[in-house]
Amino acid sequence: METMIRFESVGQYTAFNNNETLHPLVSVVDLSKSKPRQSSRMYFGCYIVFLKEVKCGDLIYGRHTYDYQEGTLVFMAPGQVAGVNSNGETYQPKGYALVFHPDLLLGTSLKSSIHDYSFFGYQSNEALHLSERERQIVMDCFAKIDYELQQTIDRHSKKLIVANIELFLEYCMRFYDRQFITRDYVHQGTLARLETLLSRYFLSDAPQTIGLPSVAYCAEQLNLSANYLGDLVKKETGQSAHDYIQSKLIDVAKEKIFDRSKTVNEIAYELGFKYPQHFSRVFKQRVGHSPNEYRRATESELN
C-alpha cells in the first residue's frame, strides 16, 4: 500500500479524479476520468458512496477485504479509511462516486436521520450487490443530483440535491432488505453461529475476564461489522442484536438460579456483571421478577 492520501473536502476528491468541482459540498464523480493508478489508501472526511463498474483489485477497509465486484455499492462515512489492493498492477478506475460533505446536511431533515442509514458503518463482505434494474435506479438518482449541480445555484438547489440524496439512500435501504433475503446463502448460519458463540462464551471464564458480551464483540468474532450484525439479527428475529444477546443472557441466568449453592451475587459475577444490582435490574426488566423472586417462584412450583 502507498502512503495514505487524505481527502478532507469534496473539491480535493473531485480534483484527484480529474472532475470539475461544481459545488463545494457535493459532487457526482465519474471515476473513468481518473488517471490510471496503483494501490492506495485513502482517508475520507466526507460521506462517499462508490458504484463500481469493473473489477480493479480488492477494496480494503481496515484489515478486511470488501465483497466488492462489478455492480456493487460501498458506503463510507467521514473518518473512515479505505483503499484498493491492485497487487502492484496499474488499473483504470471506472464507475461513479457520490461524495458529500456533512456540512451539506446542516439545516435539513437528513442531518438528524443520516445515522439511520446503518450501512455507512458496514465493513468487510457487506457491500450492496445490485441487480441491473437497481443499478439503473442508482444511476437515475445520481443523474438527478448531477443535473442540479449543472444548474445555476438558487434557493431550491440545496433542498433538491439533499432530497435526491435522501431518495437514493432510501432506495439503498430497500435494496439491502432485498439482499438480506436473496443472499441468504451468505448469511445462512450466522444466527446459529451467534448462538454457538454465546453458549460457549457463558460456559467459559470469558464473562469474568471480559464482561458482558457486547454486539461489537460478537460482530468481531463473526467477522462482521456491528451495524451489519444488528441489521441481520433485526430482519431475522425482529429483535435488536442487543436484545437478542440479553435474551440469551437471561436464559443462562434462569438456569443458574436453580443452583441453590450459589447466591444471586455470585451468579451476577459469573455472568459478567460488575454490580449485582445491575443484574437484578436487568433480570426484573426482562422477566418481571427479581432473581430472588424468580428463585422462590420456581421452587414453589416444583414443590
C-alpha atoms as a PDB file:
ATOM      1  CA  MET A   1       0.000   0.000   0.000  1.00  0.00           C
ATOM      2  CA  GLU A   2       1.151   3.538  -0.751  1.00  0.00           C
ATOM      3  CA  THR A   3       1.222   6.467   1.657  1.00  0.00           C
ATOM      4  CA  MET A   4      -2.269   7.428   2.731  1.00  0.00           C
ATOM      5  CA  ILE A   5      -3.998  10.150   0.703  1.00  0.00           C
ATOM      6  CA  ARG A   6      -6.327  12.404   2.722  1.00  0.00           C
ATOM      7  CA  PHE A   7      -9.482  13.930   1.280  1.00  0.00           C
ATOM      8  CA  GLU A   8     -10.895  16.465   3.714  1.00  0.00           C
ATOM      9  CA  SER A   9     -13.134  18.176   1.166  1.00  0.00           C
ATOM     10  CA  VAL A  10     -15.275  17.363  -1.849  1.00  0.00           C
ATOM     11  CA  GLY A  11     -13.064  19.523  -4.047  1.00  0.00           C
ATOM     12  CA  GLN A  12      -9.935  17.570  -3.159  1.00  0.00           C
ATOM     13  CA  TYR A  13     -11.533  14.297  -4.204  1.00  0.00           C
ATOM     14  CA  THR A  14     -13.042  15.611  -7.440  1.00  0.00           C
ATOM     15  CA  ALA A  15      -9.718  17.203  -8.437  1.00  0.00           C
ATOM     16  CA  PHE A  16      -7.847  13.976  -7.655  1.00  0.00           C
ATOM     17  CA  ASN A  17     -10.146  12.195 -10.111  1.00  0.00           C
ATOM     18  CA  ASN A  18      -9.899  14.885 -12.818  1.00  0.00           C
ATOM     19  CA  ASN A  19     -13.512  16.020 -12.348  1.00  0.00           C
ATOM     20  CA  GLU A  20     -14.752  19.590 -12.146  1.00  0.00           C
ATOM     21  CA  THR A  21     -15.950  20.798  -8.754  1.00  0.00           C
ATOM     22  CA  LEU A  22     -19.397  22.264  -9.398  1.00  0.00           C
ATOM     23  CA  HIS A  23     -20.374  22.569  -5.734  1.00  0.00           C
ATOM     24  CA  PRO A  24     -18.018  22.752  -2.728  1.00  0.00           C
ATOM     25  CA  LEU A  25     -20.118  20.350  -0.653  1.00  0.00           C
ATOM     26  CA  VAL A  26     -21.351  17.674  -3.083  1.00  0.00           C
ATOM     27  CA  SER A  27     -20.314  16.025  -6.331  1.00  0.00           C
ATOM     28  CA  VAL A  28     -21.064  13.050  -8.561  1.00  0.00           C
ATOM     29  CA  VAL A  29     -17.612  11.876  -9.661  1.00  0.00           C
ATOM     30  CA  ASP A  30     -17.039   9.990 -12.920  1.00  0.00           C
ATOM     31  CA  LEU A  31     -14.131   7.721 -11.982  1.00  0.00           C
ATOM     32  CA  SER A  32     -13.361   6.874 -15.614  1.00  0.00           C
ATOM     33  CA  LYS A  33     -11.867  10.395 -15.946  1.00  0.00           C
ATOM     34  CA  SER A  34      -9.207   9.477 -13.387  1.00  0.00           C
ATOM     35  CA  LYS A  35      -5.650   8.695 -14.384  1.00  0.00           C
ATOM     36  CA  PRO A  36      -4.578   5.021 -14.172  1.00  0.00           C
ATOM     37  CA  ARG A  37      -3.164   4.282 -10.731  1.00  0.00           C
ATOM     38  CA  GLN A  38      -1.917   1.578  -8.386  1.00  0.00           C
ATOM     39  CA  SER A  39      -2.628   0.528  -4.816  1.00  0.00           C
ATOM     40  CA  SER A  40      -3.500   3.344  -2.435  1.00  0.00           C
ATOM     41  CA  ARG A  41      -5.015   4.056   0.940  1.00  0.00           C
ATOM     42  CA  MET A  42      -7.429   6.957   1.275  1.00  0.00           C
ATOM     43  CA  TYR A  43      -8.886   8.845   4.229  1.00  0.00           C
ATOM     44  CA  PHE A  44     -12.299  10.469   3.682  1.00  0.00           C
ATOM     45  CA  GLY A  45     -13.576  13.475   5.592  1.00  0.00           C
ATOM     46  CA  CYS A  46     -16.885  13.250   3.713  1.00  0.00           C
ATOM     47  CA  TYR A  47     -19.633  10.747   3.062  1.00  0.00           C
ATOM     48  CA  ILE A  48     -18.833   8.798  -0.084  1.00  0.00           C
ATOM     49  CA  VAL A  49     -20.625   6.049  -1.996  1.00  0.00           C
ATOM     50  CA  PHE A  50     -18.783   4.072  -4.677  1.00  0.00           C
ATOM     51  CA  LEU A  51     -20.557   2.399  -7.595  1.00  0.00           C
ATOM     52  CA  LYS A  52     -18.072   0.005  -9.119  1.00  0.00           C
ATOM     53  CA  GLU A  53     -18.289  -0.783 -12.832  1.00  0.00           C
ATOM     54  CA  VAL A  54     -15.364  -3.150 -13.384  1.00  0.00           C
ATOM     55  CA  LYS A  55     -13.140  -5.410 -11.338  1.00  0.00           C
ATOM     56  CA  CYS A  56      -9.972  -3.495 -10.468  1.00  0.00           C
ATOM     57  CA  GLY A  57      -8.481  -5.152  -7.428  1.00  0.00           C
ATOM     58  CA  ASP A  58      -9.691  -5.812  -3.904  1.00  0.00           C
ATOM     59  CA  LEU A  59     -11.156  -2.895  -1.966  1.00  0.00           C
ATOM     60  CA  ILE A  60      -9.629  -2.860   1.509  1.00  0.00           C
ATOM     61  CA  TYR A  61     -11.362  -1.490   4.595  1.00  0.00           C
ATOM     62  CA  GLY A  62      -9.198  -1.621   7.713  1.00  0.00           C
ATOM     63  CA  ARG A  63      -7.906  -5.185   7.949  1.00  0.00           C
ATOM     64  CA  HIS A  64     -10.664  -6.646   5.798  1.00  0.00           C
ATOM     65  CA  THR A  65     -11.461  -7.049   2.106  1.00  0.00           C
ATOM     66  CA  TYR A  66     -14.835  -5.993   0.763  1.00  0.00           C
ATOM     67  CA  ASP A  67     -17.114  -8.392  -1.043  1.00  0.00           C
ATOM     68  CA  TYR A  68     -16.850  -5.898  -3.880  1.00  0.00           C
ATOM     69  CA  GLN A  69     -17.200  -6.805  -7.550  1.00  0.00           C
ATOM     70  CA  GLU A  70     -18.899  -5.281 -10.587  1.00  0.00           C
ATOM     71  CA  GLY A  71     -22.223  -3.572  -9.915  1.00  0.00           C
ATOM     72  CA  THR A  72     -21.791  -3.084  -6.196  1.00  0.00           C
ATOM     73  CA  LEU A  73     -22.145  -0.103  -3.868  1.00  0.00           C
ATOM     74  CA  VAL A  74     -19.855   0.622  -0.934  1.00  0.00           C
ATOM     75  CA  PHE A  75     -20.610   3.304   1.664  1.00  0.00           C
ATOM     76  CA  MET A  76     -18.076   5.307   3.662  1.00  0.00           C
ATOM     77  CA  ALA A  77     -18.753   7.757   6.486  1.00  0.00           C
ATOM     78  CA  PRO A  78     -16.458  10.671   7.431  1.00  0.00           C
ATOM     79  CA  GLY A  79     -13.356   9.491   9.228  1.00  0.00           C
ATOM     80  CA  GLN A  80     -13.123   6.120   7.512  1.00  0.00           C
ATOM     81  CA  VAL A  81     -10.127   4.786   5.610  1.00  0.00           C
ATOM     82  CA  ALA A  82     -10.297   2.580   2.531  1.00  0.00           C
ATOM     83  CA  GLY A  83      -8.022   1.573  -0.291  1.00  0.00           C
ATOM     84  CA  VAL A  84      -7.542  -0.642  -3.285  1.00  0.00           C
ATOM     85  CA  ASN A  85      -5.050  -3.508  -3.428  1.00  0.00           C
ATOM     86  CA  SER A  86      -4.214  -3.977  -7.109  1.00  0.00           C
ATOM     87  CA  ASN A  87      -1.341  -6.377  -6.379  1.00  0.00           C
ATOM     88  CA  GLY A  88       1.137  -3.902  -7.807  1.00  0.00           C
ATOM     89  CA  GLU A  89      -0.649  -3.575 -11.142  1.00  0.00           C
ATOM     90  CA  THR A  90      -1.842  -0.299 -12.649  1.00  0.00           C
ATOM     91  CA  TYR A  91      -5.593  -0.116 -13.156  1.00  0.00           C
ATOM     92  CA  GLN A  92      -8.076   2.338 -14.639  1.00  0.00           C
ATOM     93  CA  PRO A  93     -10.870   3.203 -12.173  1.00  0.00           C
ATOM     94  CA  LYS A  94     -14.353   3.058 -13.638  1.00  0.00           C
ATOM     95  CA  GLY A  95     -17.733   3.749 -12.166  1.00  0.00           C
ATOM     96  CA  TYR A  96     -19.065   6.625 -10.118  1.00  0.00           C
ATOM     97  CA  ALA A  97     -18.801   8.092  -6.653  1.00  0.00           C
ATOM     98  CA  LEU A  98     -21.313  10.258  -4.831  1.00  0.00           C
ATOM     99  CA  VAL A  99     -19.423  12.400  -2.337  1.00  0.00           C
ATOM    100  CA  PHE A 100     -20.987  14.927   0.017  1.00  0.00           C
ATOM    101  CA  HIS A 101     -19.686  16.867   2.999  1.00  0.00           C
ATOM    102  CA  PRO A 102     -21.540  16.717   6.352  1.00  0.00           C
ATOM    103  CA  ASP A 103     -21.998  20.494   6.153  1.00  0.00           C
ATOM    104  CA  LEU A 104     -24.345  19.986   3.192  1.00  0.00           C
ATOM    105  CA  LEU A 105     -26.854  18.448   5.605  1.00  0.00           C
ATOM    106  CA  LEU A 106     -26.937  21.346   8.060  1.00  0.00           C
ATOM    107  CA  GLY A 107     -30.488  22.656   8.463  1.00  0.00           C
ATOM    108  CA  THR A 108     -32.041  19.652   6.707  1.00  0.00           C
ATOM    109  CA  SER A 109     -34.043  16.677   7.981  1.00  0.00           C
ATOM    110  CA  LEU A 110     -31.338  14.359   6.619  1.00  0.00           C
ATOM    111  CA  LYS A 111     -28.930  15.788   9.189  1.00  0.00           C
ATOM    112  CA  SER A 112     -30.861  14.109  12.002  1.00  0.00           C
ATOM    113  CA  SER A 113     -31.642  10.908  10.081  1.00  0.00           C
ATOM    114  CA  ILE A 114     -28.304  10.194   8.381  1.00  0.00           C
ATOM    115  CA  HIS A 115     -27.322   7.827  11.202  1.00  0.00           C
ATOM    116  CA  ASP A 116     -30.406   5.720  10.449  1.00  0.00           C
ATOM    117  CA  TYR A 117     -28.634   4.542   7.298  1.00  0.00           C
ATOM    118  CA  SER A 118     -26.571   1.994   9.174  1.00  0.00           C
ATOM    119  CA  PHE A 119     -24.838   0.704   6.037  1.00  0.00           C
ATOM    120  CA  PHE A 120     -22.416   3.641   6.351  1.00  0.00           C
ATOM    121  CA  GLY A 121     -20.980   1.590   9.222  1.00  0.00           C
ATOM    122  CA  TYR A 122     -20.724  -1.704   7.336  1.00  0.00           C
ATOM    123  CA  GLN A 123     -17.299  -3.190   6.802  1.00  0.00           C
ATOM    124  CA  SER A 124     -15.968  -6.359   5.159  1.00  0.00           C
ATOM    125  CA  ASN A 125     -18.062  -8.666   2.965  1.00  0.00           C
ATOM    126  CA  GLU A 126     -21.034  -6.335   3.292  1.00  0.00           C
ATOM    127  CA  ALA A 127     -21.196  -4.329   0.073  1.00  0.00           C
ATOM    128  CA  LEU A 128     -24.568  -3.855  -1.648  1.00  0.00           C
ATOM    129  CA  HIS A 129     -24.827  -6.042  -4.749  1.00  0.00           C
ATOM    130  CA  LEU A 130     -27.123  -4.518  -7.351  1.00  0.00           C
ATOM    131  CA  SER A 131     -29.293  -6.082  -9.997  1.00  0.00           C
ATOM    132  CA  GLU A 132     -29.239  -4.349 -13.373  1.00  0.00           C
ATOM    133  CA  ARG A 133     -32.600  -2.746 -12.643  1.00  0.00           C
ATOM    134  CA  GLU A 134     -31.376  -1.497  -9.257  1.00  0.00           C
ATOM    135  CA  ARG A 135     -28.240  -0.132 -10.888  1.00  0.00           C
ATOM    136  CA  GLN A 136     -30.384   1.870 -13.291  1.00  0.00           C
ATOM    137  CA  ILE A 137     -32.295   3.371 -10.338  1.00  0.00           C
ATOM    138  CA  VAL A 138     -28.998   4.327  -8.687  1.00  0.00           C
ATOM    139  CA  MET A 139     -27.766   5.922 -11.902  1.00  0.00           C
ATOM    140  CA  ASP A 140     -31.052   7.820 -12.204  1.00  0.00           C
ATOM    141  CA  CYS A 141     -30.601   9.221  -8.682  1.00  0.00           C
ATOM    142  CA  PHE A 142     -27.017  10.208  -9.481  1.00  0.00           C
ATOM    143  CA  ALA A 143     -28.196  11.856 -12.726  1.00  0.00           C
ATOM    144  CA  LYS A 144     -30.792  13.950 -10.874  1.00  0.00           C
ATOM    145  CA  ILE A 145     -28.181  15.138  -8.389  1.00  0.00           C
ATOM    146  CA  ASP A 146     -25.747  15.909 -11.182  1.00  0.00           C
ATOM    147  CA  TYR A 147     -28.457  17.768 -13.111  1.00  0.00           C
ATOM    148  CA  GLU A 148     -28.971  20.095 -10.142  1.00  0.00           C
ATOM    149  CA  LEU A 149     -25.225  20.614  -9.864  1.00  0.00           C
ATOM    150  CA  GLN A 150     -25.100  21.679 -13.504  1.00  0.00           C
ATOM    151  CA  GLN A 151     -27.687  24.419 -12.910  1.00  0.00           C
ATOM    152  CA  THR A 152     -27.087  27.885 -11.530  1.00  0.00           C
ATOM    153  CA  ILE A 153     -27.385  27.676  -7.748  1.00  0.00           C
ATOM    154  CA  ASP A 154     -30.651  29.157  -6.479  1.00  0.00           C
ATOM    155  CA  ARG A 155     -32.796  28.886  -3.344  1.00  0.00           C
ATOM    156  CA  HIS A 156     -34.117  25.494  -4.470  1.00  0.00           C
ATOM    157  CA  SER A 157     -30.744  23.874  -5.200  1.00  0.00           C
ATOM    158  CA  LYS A 158     -29.787  22.598  -1.746  1.00  0.00           C
ATOM    159  CA  LYS A 159     -33.280  21.301  -0.978  1.00  0.00           C
ATOM    160  CA  LEU A 160     -33.488  19.380  -4.252  1.00  0.00           C
ATOM    161  CA  ILE A 161     -29.957  17.979  -4.007  1.00  0.00           C
ATOM    162  CA  VAL A 162     -30.435  16.771  -0.422  1.00  0.00           C
ATOM    163  CA  ALA A 163     -33.890  15.390  -1.275  1.00  0.00           C
ATOM    164  CA  ASN A 164     -32.367  13.324  -4.075  1.00  0.00           C
ATOM    165  CA  ILE A 165     -29.564  12.082  -1.815  1.00  0.00           C
ATOM    166  CA  GLU A 166     -32.195  11.029   0.713  1.00  0.00           C
ATOM    167  CA  LEU A 167     -34.211   9.317  -2.038  1.00  0.00           C
ATOM    168  CA  PHE A 168     -31.085   7.442  -3.115  1.00  0.00           C
ATOM    169  CA  LEU A 169     -30.370   6.311   0.469  1.00  0.00           C
ATOM    170  CA  GLU A 170     -33.972   5.135   0.887  1.00  0.00           C
ATOM    171  CA  TYR A 171     -33.615   3.019  -2.250  1.00  0.00           C
ATOM    172  CA  CYS A 172     -30.415   1.579  -0.792  1.00  0.00           C
ATOM    173  CA  MET A 173     -32.322   0.629   2.372  1.00  0.00           C
ATOM    174  CA  ARG A 174     -34.810  -1.239   0.185  1.00  0.00           C
ATOM    175  CA  PHE A 175     -32.053  -2.932  -1.808  1.00  0.00           C
ATOM    176  CA  TYR A 176     -30.291  -4.069   1.371  1.00  0.00           C
ATOM    177  CA  ASP A 177     -33.566  -5.522   2.665  1.00  0.00           C
ATOM    178  CA  ARG A 178     -33.773  -7.478  -0.588  1.00  0.00           C
ATOM    179  CA  GLN A 179     -30.145  -8.585  -0.258  1.00  0.00           C
ATOM    180  CA  PHE A 180     -30.692  -9.966   3.230  1.00  0.00           C
ATOM    181  CA  ILE A 181     -33.242 -12.289   1.616  1.00  0.00           C
ATOM    182  CA  THR A 182     -31.723 -13.112  -1.782  1.00  0.00           C
ATOM    183  CA  ARG A 183     -28.168 -13.599  -0.486  1.00  0.00           C
ATOM    184  CA  ASP A 184     -29.347 -15.888   2.283  1.00  0.00           C
ATOM    185  CA  TYR A 185     -26.646 -18.386   1.287  1.00  0.00           C
ATOM    186  CA  VAL A 186     -24.110 -15.824   2.527  1.00  0.00           C
ATOM    187  CA  HIS A 187     -25.958 -15.160   5.781  1.00  0.00           C
ATOM    188  CA  GLN A 188     -27.100 -18.745   6.316  1.00  0.00           C
ATOM    189  CA  GLY A 189     -25.964 -19.977   9.676  1.00  0.00           C
ATOM    190  CA  THR A 190     -25.000 -16.556  11.061  1.00  0.00           C
ATOM    191  CA  LEU A 191     -27.643 -16.736  13.787  1.00  0.00           C
ATOM    192  CA  ALA A 192     -26.628 -20.315  14.547  1.00  0.00           C
ATOM    193  CA  ARG A 193     -23.011 -19.213  14.833  1.00  0.00           C
ATOM    194  CA  LEU A 194     -24.065 -16.334  17.077  1.00  0.00           C
ATOM    195  CA  GLU A 195     -25.999 -18.757  19.279  1.00  0.00           C
ATOM    196  CA  THR A 196     -22.982 -21.082  19.477  1.00  0.00           C
ATOM    197  CA  LEU A 197     -20.678 -18.155  20.222  1.00  0.00           C
ATOM    198  CA  LEU A 198     -22.867 -17.009  23.121  1.00  0.00           C
ATOM    199  CA  SER A 199     -23.284 -20.528  24.509  1.00  0.00           C
ATOM    200  CA  ARG A 200     -19.540 -21.095  24.537  1.00  0.00           C
ATOM    201  CA  TYR A 201     -18.971 -17.638  25.963  1.00  0.00           C
ATOM    202  CA  PHE A 202     -21.096 -18.298  29.039  1.00  0.00           C
ATOM    203  CA  LEU A 203     -19.589 -21.774  29.515  1.00  0.00           C
ATOM    204  CA  SER A 204     -16.102 -20.262  29.646  1.00  0.00           C
ATOM    205  CA  ASP A 205     -14.478 -17.825  32.034  1.00  0.00           C
ATOM    206  CA  ALA A 206     -14.858 -15.036  29.452  1.00  0.00           C
ATOM    207  CA  PRO A 207     -17.650 -13.263  31.384  1.00  0.00           C
ATOM    208  CA  GLN A 208     -15.358 -12.864  34.384  1.00  0.00           C
ATOM    209  CA  THR A 209     -12.371 -11.718  32.302  1.00  0.00           C
ATOM    210  CA  ILE A 210     -14.099  -9.741  29.532  1.00  0.00           C
ATOM    211  CA  GLY A 211     -17.508  -8.899  30.984  1.00  0.00           C
ATOM    212  CA  LEU A 212     -20.911  -8.974  29.343  1.00  0.00           C
ATOM    213  CA  PRO A 213     -20.773  -9.825  25.623  1.00  0.00           C
ATOM    214  CA  SER A 214     -21.468  -6.741  23.519  1.00  0.00           C
ATOM    215  CA  VAL A 215     -22.791  -6.519  19.977  1.00  0.00           C
ATOM    216  CA  ALA A 216     -19.381  -5.194  18.886  1.00  0.00           C
ATOM    217  CA  TYR A 217     -17.611  -8.169  20.479  1.00  0.00           C
ATOM    218  CA  CYS A 218     -19.922 -10.711  18.851  1.00  0.00           C
ATOM    219  CA  ALA A 219     -19.664  -8.997  15.474  1.00  0.00           C
ATOM    220  CA  GLU A 220     -15.888  -9.048  15.617  1.00  0.00           C
ATOM    221  CA  GLN A 221     -15.878 -12.755  16.465  1.00  0.00           C
ATOM    222  CA  LEU A 222     -18.170 -13.430  13.488  1.00  0.00           C
ATOM    223  CA  ASN A 223     -16.069 -11.193  11.181  1.00  0.00           C
ATOM    224  CA  LEU A 224     -18.937  -8.746  10.659  1.00  0.00           C
ATOM    225  CA  SER A 225     -19.451  -5.094  11.467  1.00  0.00           C
ATOM    226  CA  ALA A 226     -21.665  -4.323  14.459  1.00  0.00           C
ATOM    227  CA  ASN A 227     -24.148  -2.466  12.231  1.00  0.00           C
ATOM    228  CA  TYR A 228     -24.429  -5.329   9.766  1.00  0.00           C
ATOM    229  CA  LEU A 229     -24.903  -7.937  12.506  1.00  0.00           C
ATOM    230  CA  GLY A 230     -27.527  -5.724  14.135  1.00  0.00           C
ATOM    231  CA  ASP A 231     -29.461  -5.320  10.900  1.00  0.00           C
ATOM    232  CA  LEU A 232     -29.223  -9.034  10.103  1.00  0.00           C
ATOM    233  CA  VAL A 233     -30.497 -10.074  13.550  1.00  0.00           C
ATOM    234  CA  LYS A 234     -33.298  -7.498  13.360  1.00  0.00           C
ATOM    235  CA  LYS A 235     -34.502  -8.753   9.991  1.00  0.00           C
ATOM    236  CA  GLU A 236     -34.292 -12.422  11.028  1.00  0.00           C
ATOM    237  CA  THR A 237     -35.768 -12.204  14.540  1.00  0.00           C
ATOM    238  CA  GLY A 238     -37.459  -8.817  14.894  1.00  0.00           C
ATOM    239  CA  GLN A 239     -35.173  -8.143  17.878  1.00  0.00           C
ATOM    240  CA  SER A 240     -32.221  -5.819  18.084  1.00  0.00           C
ATOM    241  CA  ALA A 241     -28.868  -7.597  18.422  1.00  0.00           C
ATOM    242  CA  HIS A 242     -28.590  -6.168  21.956  1.00  0.00           C
ATOM    243  CA  ASP A 243     -31.972  -7.634  22.928  1.00  0.00           C
ATOM    244  CA  TYR A 244     -31.079 -10.956  21.302  1.00  0.00           C
ATOM    245  CA  ILE A 245     -27.879 -11.193  23.364  1.00  0.00           C
ATOM    246  CA  GLN A 246     -29.737 -10.177  26.516  1.00  0.00           C
ATOM    247  CA  SER A 247     -32.343 -12.890  25.891  1.00  0.00           C
ATOM    248  CA  LYS A 248     -29.567 -15.476  25.775  1.00  0.00           C
ATOM    249  CA  LEU A 249     -28.066 -13.957  28.925  1.00  0.00           C
ATOM    250  CA  ILE A 250     -31.388 -14.248  30.768  1.00  0.00           C
ATOM    251  CA  ASP A 251     -31.839 -17.871  29.630  1.00  0.00           C
ATOM    252  CA  VAL A 252     -28.435 -18.720  31.115  1.00  0.00           C
ATOM    253  CA  ALA A 253     -29.268 -16.745  34.265  1.00  0.00           C
ATOM    254  CA  LYS A 254     -32.511 -18.685  34.763  1.00  0.00           C
ATOM    255  CA  GLU A 255     -30.601 -21.965  34.619  1.00  0.00           C
ATOM    256  CA  LYS A 256     -28.026 -20.748  37.137  1.00  0.00           C
ATOM    257  CA  ILE A 257     -30.697 -19.531  39.552  1.00  0.00           C
ATOM    258  CA  PHE A 258     -31.809 -23.153  40.007  1.00  0.00           C
ATOM    259  CA  ASP A 259     -28.424 -23.836  41.634  1.00  0.00           C
ATOM    260  CA  ARG A 260     -29.129 -23.089  45.306  1.00  0.00           C
ATOM    261  CA  SER A 261     -25.431 -23.450  46.157  1.00  0.00           C
ATOM    262  CA  LYS A 262     -24.777 -20.036  44.579  1.00  0.00           C
ATOM    263  CA  THR A 263     -26.041 -16.686  45.712  1.00  0.00           C
ATOM    264  CA  VAL A 264     -27.586 -14.208  43.314  1.00  0.00           C
ATOM    265  CA  ASN A 265     -24.492 -12.041  43.713  1.00  0.00           C
ATOM    266  CA  GLU A 266     -22.227 -14.943  42.707  1.00  0.00           C
ATOM    267  CA  ILE A 267     -24.398 -15.636  39.662  1.00  0.00           C
ATOM    268  CA  ALA A 268     -24.232 -11.978  38.662  1.00  0.00           C
ATOM    269  CA  TYR A 269     -20.433 -12.019  38.728  1.00  0.00           C
ATOM    270  CA  GLU A 270     -20.319 -15.327  36.824  1.00  0.00           C
ATOM    271  CA  LEU A 271     -22.414 -13.787  34.059  1.00  0.00           C
ATOM    272  CA  GLY A 272     -20.077 -10.810  33.711  1.00  0.00           C
ATOM    273  CA  PHE A 273     -21.941  -8.119  35.659  1.00  0.00           C
ATOM    274  CA  LYS A 274     -19.726  -5.766  37.625  1.00  0.00           C
ATOM    275  CA  TYR A 275     -22.524  -4.981  40.058  1.00  0.00           C
ATOM    276  CA  PRO A 276     -25.195  -7.442  41.302  1.00  0.00           C
ATOM    277  CA  GLN A 277     -27.714  -4.590  41.409  1.00  0.00           C
ATOM    278  CA  HIS A 278     -27.320  -4.189  37.638  1.00  0.00           C
ATOM    279  CA  PHE A 279     -28.011  -7.891  37.126  1.00  0.00           C
ATOM    280  CA  SER A 280     -31.106  -7.744  39.335  1.00  0.00           C
ATOM    281  CA  ARG A 281     -32.422  -4.710  37.467  1.00  0.00           C
ATOM    282  CA  VAL A 282     -31.892  -6.258  34.010  1.00  0.00           C
ATOM    283  CA  PHE A 283     -33.382  -9.575  35.124  1.00  0.00           C
ATOM    284  CA  LYS A 284     -36.506  -7.924  36.532  1.00  0.00           C
ATOM    285  CA  GLN A 285     -36.956  -5.828  33.389  1.00  0.00           C
ATOM    286  CA  ARG A 286     -36.831  -8.931  31.208  1.00  0.00           C
ATOM    287  CA  VAL A 287     -38.610 -11.477  33.418  1.00  0.00           C
ATOM    288  CA  GLY A 288     -40.911  -9.366  35.566  1.00  0.00           C
ATOM    289  CA  HIS A 289     -39.455 -10.702  38.827  1.00  0.00           C
ATOM    290  CA  SER A 290     -36.203 -10.124  40.659  1.00  0.00           C
ATOM    291  CA  PRO A 291     -33.769 -13.099  40.674  1.00  0.00           C
ATOM    292  CA  ASN A 292     -34.695 -13.978  44.274  1.00  0.00           C
ATOM    293  CA  GLU A 293     -38.437 -13.738  43.489  1.00  0.00           C
ATOM    294  CA  TYR A 294     -37.940 -15.954  40.436  1.00  0.00           C
ATOM    295  CA  ARG A 295     -35.978 -18.485  42.509  1.00  0.00           C
ATOM    296  CA  ARG A 296     -38.728 -18.657  45.140  1.00  0.00           C
ATOM    297  CA  ALA A 297     -41.456 -18.914  42.499  1.00  0.00           C
ATOM    298  CA  THR A 298     -39.764 -21.784  40.659  1.00  0.00           C
ATOM    299  CA  GLU A 299     -39.078 -23.602  43.922  1.00  0.00           C
ATOM    300  CA  SER A 300     -42.751 -23.375  44.953  1.00  0.00           C
ATOM    301  CA  GLU A 301     -43.842 -24.726  41.570  1.00  0.00           C
ATOM    302  CA  LEU A 302     -41.500 -27.690  41.936  1.00  0.00           C
ATOM    303  CA  ASN A 303     -42.793 -28.401  45.407  1.00  0.00           C
END
